[in-house]
Amino acid sequence: GMLSKNIFIQMMAARALAKYRDNESLPLIIQACEKARPEDALAIAWALPFFDDTRAQIAAEKFITNKELLDELRKLNREKGPDGIF
């Protein structure tokens, strides 16, 4: 999952954890974003707006620098909830 060196596995793990609202995993997701290249961090951070947690929202603003994209992801979360992640 989040400790894998494979970015695709990290990205999918982050999305699965967001779908199930596993807030305990947030530190691992944020840490993976911090260690990744910016484009890879964005792929992982895509999951963050789907968490109902202040830490996730702050991290989302840090790693998803395109405000329009971030707003769209948050809108998707409001409309579809965690199912919107996939």
N, C-alpha and C. Protein backbone atom coordinates (compact mmCIF):
# COMPACT_ATOMS: atom_id res chain seq x y z
N GLY A 1 0.77 -1.18 0.00
CA GLY A 1 0.00 0.00 0.00
C GLY A 1 0.84 1.27 0.00
N MET A 2 0.64 2.07 0.99
CA MET A 2 1.26 3.40 1.04
C MET A 2 2.79 3.33 1.21
N LEU A 3 3.31 2.22 1.68
CA LEU A 3 4.77 2.10 1.86
C LEU A 3 5.46 1.54 0.64
N SER A 4 4.71 1.21 -0.40
CA SER A 4 5.28 0.70 -1.63
C SER A 4 6.13 1.78 -2.29
N LYS A 5 7.12 1.38 -3.07
CA LYS A 5 7.92 2.32 -3.83
C LYS A 5 7.28 2.60 -5.20
N ASN A 6 6.23 1.85 -5.52
CA ASN A 6 5.53 2.00 -6.80
C ASN A 6 4.47 3.08 -6.67
N ILE A 7 4.58 4.14 -7.47
CA ILE A 7 3.67 5.28 -7.36
C ILE A 7 2.23 4.88 -7.67
N PHE A 8 2.03 3.97 -8.62
CA PHE A 8 0.68 3.55 -8.96
C PHE A 8 0.02 2.84 -7.78
N ILE A 9 0.77 2.02 -7.09
CA ILE A 9 0.24 1.32 -5.92
C ILE A 9 -0.09 2.33 -4.82
N GLN A 10 0.79 3.30 -4.61
CA GLN A 10 0.53 4.34 -3.60
C GLN A 10 -0.73 5.13 -3.95
N MET A 11 -0.86 5.48 -5.23
CA MET A 11 -2.01 6.26 -5.67
C MET A 11 -3.31 5.49 -5.44
N MET A 12 -3.34 4.23 -5.83
CA MET A 12 -4.55 3.43 -5.68
C MET A 12 -4.84 3.14 -4.20
N ALA A 13 -3.79 2.93 -3.42
CA ALA A 13 -3.98 2.69 -1.99
C ALA A 13 -4.58 3.93 -1.32
N ALA A 14 -4.07 5.11 -1.68
CA ALA A 14 -4.59 6.36 -1.11
C ALA A 14 -6.07 6.52 -1.45
N ARG A 15 -6.43 6.21 -2.68
CA ARG A 15 -7.83 6.34 -3.09
C ARG A 15 -8.72 5.34 -2.35
N ALA A 16 -8.23 4.12 -2.19
CA ALA A 16 -9.02 3.11 -1.47
C ALA A 16 -9.21 3.52 -0.01
N LEU A 17 -8.15 4.04 0.59
CA LEU A 17 -8.24 4.48 1.98
C LEU A 17 -9.20 5.66 2.12
N ALA A 18 -9.22 6.54 1.13
CA ALA A 18 -10.16 7.66 1.14
C ALA A 18 -11.59 7.16 0.99
N LYS A 19 -11.79 6.20 0.10
CA LYS A 19 -13.14 5.65 -0.12
C LYS A 19 -13.73 5.12 1.18
N TYR A 20 -12.88 4.50 1.99
CA TYR A 20 -13.35 3.93 3.25
C TYR A 20 -13.13 4.86 4.45
N ARG A 21 -12.76 6.10 4.15
CA ARG A 21 -12.60 7.14 5.19
C ARG A 21 -11.70 6.69 6.33
N ASP A 22 -10.58 6.09 5.96
CA ASP A 22 -9.63 5.60 6.96
C ASP A 22 -8.71 6.75 7.39
N ASN A 23 -9.22 7.59 8.30
CA ASN A 23 -8.47 8.78 8.74
C ASN A 23 -7.17 8.43 9.43
N GLU A 24 -7.06 7.24 9.98
CA GLU A 24 -5.81 6.84 10.63
C GLU A 24 -4.67 6.71 9.63
N SER A 25 -5.00 6.55 8.36
CA SER A 25 -3.97 6.40 7.33
C SER A 25 -3.45 7.75 6.81
N LEU A 26 -4.08 8.83 7.20
CA LEU A 26 -3.69 10.15 6.68
C LEU A 26 -2.21 10.47 6.83
N PRO A 27 -1.59 10.21 7.99
CA PRO A 27 -0.16 10.52 8.09
C PRO A 27 0.68 9.77 7.04
N LEU A 28 0.31 8.53 6.72
CA LEU A 28 1.05 7.79 5.70
C LEU A 28 0.84 8.38 4.31
N ILE A 29 -0.37 8.80 4.01
CA ILE A 29 -0.65 9.40 2.71
C ILE A 29 0.09 10.72 2.57
N ILE A 30 0.03 11.54 3.59
CA ILE A 30 0.72 12.84 3.56
C ILE A 30 2.23 12.64 3.46
N GLN A 31 2.76 11.69 4.18
CA GLN A 31 4.19 11.40 4.12
C GLN A 31 4.58 10.94 2.71
N ALA A 32 3.77 10.12 2.09
CA ALA A 32 4.06 9.67 0.72
C ALA A 32 4.08 10.86 -0.23
N CYS A 33 3.16 11.80 -0.05
CA CYS A 33 3.14 13.01 -0.89
C CYS A 33 4.41 13.83 -0.68
N GLU A 34 4.83 13.96 0.55
CA GLU A 34 6.02 14.75 0.86
C GLU A 34 7.29 14.16 0.26
N LYS A 35 7.35 12.83 0.16
CA LYS A 35 8.55 12.16 -0.37
C LYS A 35 8.56 12.07 -1.89
N ALA A 36 7.40 12.22 -2.51
CA ALA A 36 7.27 12.01 -3.95
C ALA A 36 7.66 13.24 -4.76
N ARG A 37 7.95 13.00 -6.02
CA ARG A 37 8.14 14.12 -6.96
C ARG A 37 6.81 14.85 -7.07
N PRO A 38 6.82 16.13 -7.43
CA PRO A 38 5.57 16.91 -7.46
C PRO A 38 4.45 16.26 -8.27
N GLU A 39 4.76 15.75 -9.45
CA GLU A 39 3.71 15.14 -10.28
C GLU A 39 3.17 13.85 -9.65
N ASP A 40 4.03 13.12 -8.96
CA ASP A 40 3.59 11.92 -8.27
C ASP A 40 2.82 12.28 -7.00
N ALA A 41 3.25 13.33 -6.32
CA ALA A 41 2.54 13.78 -5.12
C ALA A 41 1.11 14.18 -5.49
N LEU A 42 0.95 14.82 -6.63
CA LEU A 42 -0.39 15.20 -7.09
C LEU A 42 -1.26 13.96 -7.28
N ALA A 43 -0.71 12.92 -7.88
CA ALA A 43 -1.47 11.69 -8.12
C ALA A 43 -1.92 11.05 -6.80
N ILE A 44 -1.06 11.08 -5.81
CA ILE A 44 -1.40 10.52 -4.50
C ILE A 44 -2.40 11.44 -3.79
N ALA A 45 -2.14 12.75 -3.85
CA ALA A 45 -2.95 13.74 -3.13
C ALA A 45 -4.37 13.84 -3.66
N TRP A 46 -4.61 13.32 -4.85
CA TRP A 46 -5.95 13.34 -5.44
C TRP A 46 -6.98 12.78 -4.46
N ALA A 47 -6.54 11.88 -3.58
CA ALA A 47 -7.45 11.26 -2.61
C ALA A 47 -7.78 12.17 -1.43
N LEU A 48 -6.94 13.13 -1.13
CA LEU A 48 -7.09 13.91 0.09
C LEU A 48 -8.40 14.68 0.22
N PRO A 49 -8.91 15.30 -0.84
CA PRO A 49 -10.18 16.03 -0.68
C PRO A 49 -11.37 15.14 -0.31
N PHE A 50 -11.20 13.83 -0.41
CA PHE A 50 -12.30 12.92 -0.09
C PHE A 50 -12.33 12.50 1.38
N PHE A 51 -11.37 13.00 2.14
CA PHE A 51 -11.37 12.76 3.59
C PHE A 51 -12.07 13.92 4.28
N ASP A 52 -12.89 13.62 5.25
CA ASP A 52 -13.52 14.67 6.06
C ASP A 52 -12.66 14.90 7.29
N ASP A 53 -11.50 15.49 7.05
CA ASP A 53 -10.51 15.70 8.11
C ASP A 53 -9.71 16.94 7.76
N THR A 54 -9.53 17.81 8.72
CA THR A 54 -8.81 19.06 8.49
C THR A 54 -7.39 18.83 7.99
N ARG A 55 -6.71 17.82 8.53
CA ARG A 55 -5.34 17.52 8.09
C ARG A 55 -5.30 17.22 6.60
N ALA A 56 -6.28 16.46 6.14
CA ALA A 56 -6.34 16.10 4.72
C ALA A 56 -6.59 17.32 3.85
N GLN A 57 -7.47 18.20 4.32
CA GLN A 57 -7.79 19.38 3.52
C GLN A 57 -6.59 20.34 3.44
N ILE A 58 -5.85 20.48 4.52
CA ILE A 58 -4.66 21.32 4.52
C ILE A 58 -3.61 20.73 3.57
N ALA A 59 -3.41 19.42 3.65
CA ALA A 59 -2.44 18.76 2.77
C ALA A 59 -2.89 18.85 1.31
N ALA A 60 -4.19 18.72 1.06
CA ALA A 60 -4.70 18.83 -0.31
C ALA A 60 -4.33 20.19 -0.90
N GLU A 61 -4.47 21.24 -0.11
CA GLU A 61 -4.13 22.58 -0.60
C GLU A 61 -2.64 22.72 -0.88
N LYS A 62 -1.83 21.99 -0.16
CA LYS A 62 -0.38 22.04 -0.36
C LYS A 62 0.03 21.29 -1.63
N PHE A 63 -0.54 20.12 -1.87
CA PHE A 63 -0.08 19.27 -2.95
C PHE A 63 -0.89 19.40 -4.24
N ILE A 64 -2.11 19.89 -4.16
CA ILE A 64 -2.92 20.12 -5.35
C ILE A 64 -2.94 21.63 -5.57
N THR A 65 -1.97 22.11 -6.30
CA THR A 65 -1.78 23.56 -6.44
C THR A 65 -2.73 24.18 -7.45
N ASN A 66 -3.35 23.37 -8.29
CA ASN A 66 -4.34 23.88 -9.22
C ASN A 66 -5.66 24.03 -8.47
N LYS A 67 -6.02 25.27 -8.16
CA LYS A 67 -7.21 25.55 -7.35
C LYS A 67 -8.49 25.04 -8.01
N GLU A 68 -8.58 25.14 -9.33
CA GLU A 68 -9.77 24.66 -10.02
C GLU A 68 -9.92 23.15 -9.87
N LEU A 69 -8.82 22.43 -9.98
CA LEU A 69 -8.86 20.98 -9.80
C LEU A 69 -9.27 20.63 -8.37
N LEU A 70 -8.68 21.31 -7.41
CA LEU A 70 -9.02 21.06 -6.01
C LEU A 70 -10.50 21.32 -5.76
N ASP A 71 -11.01 22.41 -6.30
CA ASP A 71 -12.43 22.73 -6.14
C ASP A 71 -13.31 21.66 -6.77
N GLU A 72 -12.92 21.15 -7.93
CA GLU A 72 -13.69 20.10 -8.61
C GLU A 72 -13.70 18.81 -7.79
N LEU A 73 -12.57 18.46 -7.21
CA LEU A 73 -12.50 17.26 -6.39
C LEU A 73 -13.36 17.40 -5.14
N ARG A 74 -13.33 18.57 -4.53
CA ARG A 74 -14.17 18.81 -3.36
C ARG A 74 -15.66 18.78 -3.72
N LYS A 75 -15.99 19.32 -4.89
CA LYS A 75 -17.37 19.28 -5.36
C LYS A 75 -17.81 17.83 -5.58
N LEU A 76 -16.94 17.05 -6.20
CA LEU A 76 -17.24 15.64 -6.43
C LEU A 76 -17.48 14.91 -5.11
N ASN A 77 -16.68 15.23 -4.10
CA ASN A 77 -16.86 14.64 -2.78
C ASN A 77 -18.22 15.04 -2.18
N ARG A 78 -18.58 16.30 -2.32
CA ARG A 78 -19.88 16.75 -1.78
C ARG A 78 -21.05 16.06 -2.49
N GLU A 79 -20.90 15.87 -3.80
CA GLU A 79 -22.00 15.30 -4.58
C GLU A 79 -22.11 13.79 -4.48
N LYS A 80 -20.98 13.11 -4.45
CA LYS A 80 -20.99 11.65 -4.49
C LYS A 80 -20.39 10.98 -3.27
N GLY A 81 -19.81 11.79 -2.38
CA GLY A 81 -19.17 11.21 -1.21
C GLY A 81 -17.94 10.40 -1.61
N PRO A 82 -17.53 9.48 -0.78
CA PRO A 82 -16.30 8.73 -1.05
C PRO A 82 -16.37 7.88 -2.31
N ASP A 83 -17.57 7.59 -2.81
CA ASP A 83 -17.68 6.83 -4.06
C ASP A 83 -17.18 7.63 -5.26
N GLY A 84 -17.10 8.94 -5.12
CA GLY A 84 -16.63 9.80 -6.21
C GLY A 84 -15.14 9.66 -6.50
N ILE A 85 -14.42 9.02 -5.61
CA ILE A 85 -12.96 8.88 -5.78
C ILE A 85 -12.62 7.98 -6.95
N PHE A 86 -13.50 7.03 -7.29
CA PHE A 86 -13.21 6.11 -8.40
C PHE A 86 -14.09 6.36 -9.58
